[in-house]
Amino acid sequence: MTDVTKIEERLAHLIRSVDDLSEVVVRQDRDIARLAALVQTLVARELDRDSEAGALPLADQRPPHW
């Protein structure tokens, strides 16, 4: 095998690795966006529940040790 062939082979492996990592990043971005939307929905639901019950939102309540 010539040096050029070895370099081309290594380059092909590196390109494949970069493509694989790019797919992982895209999938993680989708998962993060989905989870962020879910958290936003849950926070809104909890705020609605607190307002219906007439309680102060947890963020506005003083800690019990105060």
PDB file of N, CA and C in Angstrom:
ATOM      1  N   MET A   1       0.843  -1.183   0.000  1.00  0.00           N
ATOM      2  CA  MET A   1       0.000   0.000   0.000  1.00  0.00           C
ATOM      3  C   MET A   1       0.886   1.244   0.000  1.00  0.00           C
ATOM      4  N   THR A   2       0.553   2.159  -0.825  1.00  0.00           N
ATOM      5  CA  THR A   2       1.342   3.383  -0.879  1.00  0.00           C
ATOM      6  C   THR A   2       0.892   4.328   0.230  1.00  0.00           C
ATOM      7  N   ASP A   3       1.702   5.323   0.451  1.00  0.00           N
ATOM      8  CA  ASP A   3       1.375   6.314   1.486  1.00  0.00           C
ATOM      9  C   ASP A   3       0.090   7.062   1.148  1.00  0.00           C
ATOM     10  N   VAL A   4      -0.106   7.343  -0.128  1.00  0.00           N
ATOM     11  CA  VAL A   4      -1.309   8.062  -0.551  1.00  0.00           C
ATOM     12  C   VAL A   4      -2.544   7.207  -0.279  1.00  0.00           C
ATOM     13  N   THR A   5      -2.456   5.926  -0.545  1.00  0.00           N
ATOM     14  CA  THR A   5      -3.584   5.022  -0.299  1.00  0.00           C
ATOM     15  C   THR A   5      -3.902   4.965   1.191  1.00  0.00           C
ATOM     16  N   LYS A   6      -2.872   4.898   2.030  1.00  0.00           N
ATOM     17  CA  LYS A   6      -3.075   4.880   3.480  1.00  0.00           C
ATOM     18  C   LYS A   6      -3.755   6.169   3.951  1.00  0.00           C
ATOM     19  N   ILE A   7      -3.304   7.283   3.419  1.00  0.00           N
ATOM     20  CA  ILE A   7      -3.890   8.574   3.789  1.00  0.00           C
ATOM     21  C   ILE A   7      -5.348   8.648   3.341  1.00  0.00           C
ATOM     22  N   GLU A   8      -5.627   8.181   2.130  1.00  0.00           N
ATOM     23  CA  GLU A   8      -7.000   8.186   1.628  1.00  0.00           C
ATOM     24  C   GLU A   8      -7.900   7.297   2.487  1.00  0.00           C
ATOM     25  N   GLU A   9      -7.367   6.154   2.898  1.00  0.00           N
ATOM     26  CA  GLU A   9      -8.131   5.237   3.747  1.00  0.00           C
ATOM     27  C   GLU A   9      -8.433   5.876   5.108  1.00  0.00           C
ATOM     28  N   ARG A  10      -7.439   6.493   5.706  1.00  0.00           N
ATOM     29  CA  ARG A  10      -7.645   7.161   6.998  1.00  0.00           C
ATOM     30  C   ARG A  10      -8.625   8.322   6.864  1.00  0.00           C
ATOM     31  N   LEU A  11      -8.512   9.063   5.767  1.00  0.00           N
ATOM     32  CA  LEU A  11      -9.431  10.176   5.519  1.00  0.00           C
ATOM     33  C   LEU A  11     -10.868   9.674   5.391  1.00  0.00           C
ATOM     34  N   ALA A  12     -11.044   8.551   4.701  1.00  0.00           N
ATOM     35  CA  ALA A  12     -12.387   7.979   4.555  1.00  0.00           C
ATOM     36  C   ALA A  12     -12.958   7.599   5.926  1.00  0.00           C
ATOM     37  N   HIS A  13     -12.143   7.034   6.798  1.00  0.00           N
ATOM     38  CA  HIS A  13     -12.594   6.676   8.152  1.00  0.00           C
ATOM     39  C   HIS A  13     -12.943   7.933   8.958  1.00  0.00           C
ATOM     40  N   LEU A  14     -12.135   8.961   8.820  1.00  0.00           N
ATOM     41  CA  LEU A  14     -12.404  10.207   9.535  1.00  0.00           C
ATOM     42  C   LEU A  14     -13.700  10.853   9.050  1.00  0.00           C
ATOM     43  N   ILE A  15     -13.921  10.835   7.749  1.00  0.00           N
ATOM     44  CA  ILE A  15     -15.155  11.396   7.194  1.00  0.00           C
ATOM     45  C   ILE A  15     -16.353  10.620   7.735  1.00  0.00           C
ATOM     46  N   ARG A  16     -16.240   9.297   7.786  1.00  0.00           N
ATOM     47  CA  ARG A  16     -17.333   8.468   8.322  1.00  0.00           C
ATOM     48  C   ARG A  16     -17.571   8.810   9.799  1.00  0.00           C
ATOM     49  N   SER A  17     -16.523   8.990  10.564  1.00  0.00           N
ATOM     50  CA  SER A  17     -16.671   9.334  11.985  1.00  0.00           C
ATOM     51  C   SER A  17     -17.362  10.682  12.161  1.00  0.00           C
ATOM     52  N   VAL A  18     -16.980  11.649  11.355  1.00  0.00           N
ATOM     53  CA  VAL A  18     -17.601  12.977  11.428  1.00  0.00           C
ATOM     54  C   VAL A  18     -19.077  12.886  11.058  1.00  0.00           C
ATOM     55  N   ASP A  19     -19.400  12.127  10.037  1.00  0.00           N
ATOM     56  CA  ASP A  19     -20.811  11.950   9.648  1.00  0.00           C
ATOM     57  C   ASP A  19     -21.612  11.292  10.769  1.00  0.00           C
ATOM     58  N   ASP A  20     -21.036  10.262  11.387  1.00  0.00           N
ATOM     59  CA  ASP A  20     -21.714   9.586  12.503  1.00  0.00           C
ATOM     60  C   ASP A  20     -21.941  10.545  13.666  1.00  0.00           C
ATOM     61  N   LEU A  21     -20.930  11.334  13.989  1.00  0.00           N
ATOM     62  CA  LEU A  21     -21.061  12.293  15.090  1.00  0.00           C
ATOM     63  C   LEU A  21     -22.083  13.383  14.764  1.00  0.00           C
ATOM     64  N   SER A  22     -22.136  13.785  13.518  1.00  0.00           N
ATOM     65  CA  SER A  22     -23.128  14.783  13.111  1.00  0.00           C
ATOM     66  C   SER A  22     -24.539  14.251  13.305  1.00  0.00           C
ATOM     67  N   GLU A  23     -24.761  12.991  12.978  1.00  0.00           N
ATOM     68  CA  GLU A  23     -26.071  12.377  13.189  1.00  0.00           C
ATOM     69  C   GLU A  23     -26.434  12.354  14.669  1.00  0.00           C
ATOM     70  N   VAL A  24     -25.458  12.069  15.509  1.00  0.00           N
ATOM     71  CA  VAL A  24     -25.690  12.051  16.956  1.00  0.00           C
ATOM     72  C   VAL A  24     -26.082  13.444  17.444  1.00  0.00           C
ATOM     73  N   VAL A  25     -25.375  14.457  16.974  1.00  0.00           N
ATOM     74  CA  VAL A  25     -25.669  15.837  17.392  1.00  0.00           C
ATOM     75  C   VAL A  25     -27.066  16.248  16.943  1.00  0.00           C
ATOM     76  N   VAL A  26     -27.450  15.895  15.742  1.00  0.00           N
ATOM     77  CA  VAL A  26     -28.792  16.231  15.241  1.00  0.00           C
ATOM     78  C   VAL A  26     -29.847  15.547  16.096  1.00  0.00           C
ATOM     79  N   ARG A  27     -29.650  14.275  16.413  1.00  0.00           N
ATOM     80  CA  ARG A  27     -30.600  13.537  17.243  1.00  0.00           C
ATOM     81  C   ARG A  27     -30.688  14.150  18.644  1.00  0.00           C
ATOM     82  N   GLN A  28     -29.551  14.509  19.215  1.00  0.00           N
ATOM     83  CA  GLN A  28     -29.551  15.126  20.537  1.00  0.00           C
ATOM     84  C   GLN A  28     -30.245  16.484  20.521  1.00  0.00           C
ATOM     85  N   ASP A  29     -30.065  17.247  19.454  1.00  0.00           N
ATOM     86  CA  ASP A  29     -30.731  18.545  19.335  1.00  0.00           C
ATOM     87  C   ASP A  29     -32.242  18.366  19.315  1.00  0.00           C
ATOM     88  N   ARG A  30     -32.709  17.363  18.561  1.00  0.00           N
ATOM     89  CA  ARG A  30     -34.152  17.082  18.530  1.00  0.00           C
ATOM     90  C   ARG A  30     -34.658  16.658  19.906  1.00  0.00           C
ATOM     91  N   ASP A  31     -33.888  15.803  20.580  1.00  0.00           N
ATOM     92  CA  ASP A  31     -34.295  15.352  21.924  1.00  0.00           C
ATOM     93  C   ASP A  31     -34.347  16.517  22.904  1.00  0.00           C
ATOM     94  N   ILE A  32     -33.357  17.396  22.849  1.00  0.00           N
ATOM     95  CA  ILE A  32     -33.325  18.553  23.755  1.00  0.00           C
ATOM     96  C   ILE A  32     -34.503  19.471  23.491  1.00  0.00           C
ATOM     97  N   ALA A  33     -34.816  19.711  22.231  1.00  0.00           N
ATOM     98  CA  ALA A  33     -35.956  20.570  21.892  1.00  0.00           C
ATOM     99  C   ALA A  33     -37.255  19.952  22.388  1.00  0.00           C
ATOM    100  N   ARG A  34     -37.403  18.639  22.209  1.00  0.00           N
ATOM    101  CA  ARG A  34     -38.613  17.949  22.668  1.00  0.00           C
ATOM    102  C   ARG A  34     -38.723  18.005  24.193  1.00  0.00           C
ATOM    103  N   LEU A  35     -37.631  17.777  24.881  1.00  0.00           N
ATOM    104  CA  LEU A  35     -37.640  17.805  26.340  1.00  0.00           C
ATOM    105  C   LEU A  35     -37.881  19.218  26.880  1.00  0.00           C
ATOM    106  N   ALA A  36     -37.321  20.223  26.221  1.00  0.00           N
ATOM    107  CA  ALA A  36     -37.546  21.603  26.644  1.00  0.00           C
ATOM    108  C   ALA A  36     -39.019  21.975  26.505  1.00  0.00           C
ATOM    109  N   ALA A  37     -39.638  21.537  25.412  1.00  0.00           N
ATOM    110  CA  ALA A  37     -41.070  21.802  25.224  1.00  0.00           C
ATOM    111  C   ALA A  37     -41.891  21.081  26.284  1.00  0.00           C
ATOM    112  N   LEU A  38     -41.501  19.870  26.622  1.00  0.00           N
ATOM    113  CA  LEU A  38     -42.199  19.116  27.655  1.00  0.00           C
ATOM    114  C   LEU A  38     -42.075  19.797  29.015  1.00  0.00           C
ATOM    115  N   VAL A  39     -40.895  20.258  29.352  1.00  0.00           N
ATOM    116  CA  VAL A  39     -40.696  20.968  30.622  1.00  0.00           C
ATOM    117  C   VAL A  39     -41.542  22.234  30.651  1.00  0.00           C
ATOM    118  N   GLN A  40     -41.574  22.962  29.547  1.00  0.00           N
ATOM    119  CA  GLN A  40     -42.373  24.183  29.477  1.00  0.00           C
ATOM    120  C   GLN A  40     -43.860  23.864  29.691  1.00  0.00           C
ATOM    121  N   THR A  41     -44.324  22.784  29.088  1.00  0.00           N
ATOM    122  CA  THR A  41     -45.715  22.371  29.263  1.00  0.00           C
ATOM    123  C   THR A  41     -45.996  22.005  30.713  1.00  0.00           C
ATOM    124  N   LEU A  42     -45.091  21.269  31.325  1.00  0.00           N
ATOM    125  CA  LEU A  42     -45.287  20.857  32.712  1.00  0.00           C
ATOM    126  C   LEU A  42     -45.261  22.045  33.666  1.00  0.00           C
ATOM    127  N   VAL A  43     -44.381  22.994  33.416  1.00  0.00           N
ATOM    128  CA  VAL A  43     -44.324  24.193  34.260  1.00  0.00           C
ATOM    129  C   VAL A  43     -45.621  24.984  34.132  1.00  0.00           C
ATOM    130  N   ALA A  44     -46.098  25.142  32.913  1.00  0.00           N
ATOM    131  CA  ALA A  44     -47.354  25.874  32.703  1.00  0.00           C
ATOM    132  C   ALA A  44     -48.511  25.153  33.383  1.00  0.00           C
ATOM    133  N   ARG A  45     -48.544  23.843  33.282  1.00  0.00           N
ATOM    134  CA  ARG A  45     -49.603  23.068  33.920  1.00  0.00           C
ATOM    135  C   ARG A  45     -49.558  23.227  35.440  1.00  0.00           C
ATOM    136  N   GLU A  46     -48.356  23.204  36.001  1.00  0.00           N
ATOM    137  CA  GLU A  46     -48.218  23.353  37.461  1.00  0.00           C
ATOM    138  C   GLU A  46     -48.611  24.761  37.901  1.00  0.00           C
ATOM    139  N   LEU A  47     -48.262  25.771  37.115  1.00  0.00           N
ATOM    140  CA  LEU A  47     -48.666  27.139  37.451  1.00  0.00           C
ATOM    141  C   LEU A  47     -50.185  27.272  37.415  1.00  0.00           C
ATOM    142  N   ASP A  48     -50.826  26.653  36.434  1.00  0.00           N
ATOM    143  CA  ASP A  48     -52.294  26.666  36.368  1.00  0.00           C
ATOM    144  C   ASP A  48     -52.898  25.972  37.582  1.00  0.00           C
ATOM    145  N   ARG A  49     -52.317  24.847  37.953  1.00  0.00           N
ATOM    146  CA  ARG A  49     -52.813  24.093  39.107  1.00  0.00           C
ATOM    147  C   ARG A  49     -52.674  24.921  40.388  1.00  0.00           C
ATOM    148  N   ASP A  50     -51.541  25.602  40.535  1.00  0.00           N
ATOM    149  CA  ASP A  50     -51.330  26.438  41.726  1.00  0.00           C
ATOM    150  C   ASP A  50     -52.299  27.610  41.750  1.00  0.00           C
ATOM    151  N   SER A  51     -52.538  28.222  40.599  1.00  0.00           N
ATOM    152  CA  SER A  51     -53.434  29.382  40.571  1.00  0.00           C
ATOM    153  C   SER A  51     -54.879  28.965  40.834  1.00  0.00           C
ATOM    154  N   GLU A  52     -55.268  27.780  40.383  1.00  0.00           N
ATOM    155  CA  GLU A  52     -56.620  27.286  40.650  1.00  0.00           C
ATOM    156  C   GLU A  52     -56.806  26.980  42.133  1.00  0.00           C
ATOM    157  N   ALA A  53     -55.760  26.501  42.784  1.00  0.00           N
ATOM    158  CA  ALA A  53     -55.846  26.152  44.195  1.00  0.00           C
ATOM    159  C   ALA A  53     -55.708  27.393  45.077  1.00  0.00           C
ATOM    160  N   GLY A  54     -55.320  28.500  44.503  1.00  0.00           N
ATOM    161  CA  GLY A  54     -55.158  29.734  45.262  1.00  0.00           C
ATOM    162  C   GLY A  54     -53.869  29.775  46.060  1.00  0.00           C
ATOM    163  N   ALA A  55     -52.974  28.856  45.802  1.00  0.00           N
ATOM    164  CA  ALA A  55     -51.703  28.823  46.533  1.00  0.00           C
ATOM    165  C   ALA A  55     -50.682  29.714  45.833  1.00  0.00           C
ATOM    166  N   LEU A  56     -49.723  30.144  46.613  1.00  0.00           N
ATOM    167  CA  LEU A  56     -48.606  30.888  46.026  1.00  0.00           C
ATOM    168  C   LEU A  56     -47.771  29.929  45.191  1.00  0.00           C
ATOM    169  N   PRO A  57     -47.279  30.387  44.047  1.00  0.00           N
ATOM    170  CA  PRO A  57     -46.365  29.520  43.290  1.00  0.00           C
ATOM    171  C   PRO A  57     -45.159  29.161  44.148  1.00  0.00           C
ATOM    172  N   LEU A  58     -44.652  27.979  43.943  1.00  0.00           N
ATOM    173  CA  LEU A  58     -43.536  27.486  44.754  1.00  0.00           C
ATOM    174  C   LEU A  58     -42.354  28.449  44.728  1.00  0.00           C
ATOM    175  N   ALA A  59     -42.123  29.104  43.609  1.00  0.00           N
ATOM    176  CA  ALA A  59     -41.005  30.034  43.503  1.00  0.00           C
ATOM    177  C   ALA A  59     -41.206  31.251  44.392  1.00  0.00           C
ATOM    178  N   ASP A  60     -42.454  31.584  44.737  1.00  0.00           N
ATOM    179  CA  ASP A  60     -42.741  32.755  45.567  1.00  0.00           C
ATOM    180  C   ASP A  60     -42.896  32.407  47.055  1.00  0.00           C
ATOM    181  N   GLN A  61     -42.861  31.146  47.392  1.00  0.00           N
ATOM    182  CA  GLN A  61     -43.022  30.749  48.790  1.00  0.00           C
ATOM    183  C   GLN A  61     -41.689  30.857  49.524  1.00  0.00           C
ATOM    184  N   ARG A  62     -41.776  31.240  50.780  1.00  0.00           N
ATOM    185  CA  ARG A  62     -40.556  31.312  51.594  1.00  0.00           C
ATOM    186  C   ARG A  62     -40.187  29.905  52.036  1.00  0.00           C
ATOM    187  N   PRO A  63     -38.915  29.614  52.098  1.00  0.00           N
ATOM    188  CA  PRO A  63     -38.489  28.293  52.583  1.00  0.00           C
ATOM    189  C   PRO A  63     -38.934  28.093  54.027  1.00  0.00           C
ATOM    190  N   PRO A  64     -39.168  26.852  54.443  1.00  0.00           N
ATOM    191  CA  PRO A  64     -39.675  26.595  55.789  1.00  0.00           C
ATOM    192  C   PRO A  64     -38.729  27.020  56.910  1.00  0.00           C
ATOM    193  N   HIS A  65     -37.449  27.162  56.634  1.00  0.00           N
ATOM    194  CA  HIS A  65     -36.508  27.508  57.693  1.00  0.00           C
ATOM    195  C   HIS A  65     -36.412  29.016  57.926  1.00  0.00           C
ATOM    196  N   TRP A  66     -37.184  29.836  57.202  1.00  0.00           N
ATOM    197  CA  TRP A  66     -37.147  31.277  57.389  1.00  0.00           C
ATOM    198  C   TRP A  66     -38.123  31.720  58.410  1.00  0.00           C
TER     199      TRP A  66
END
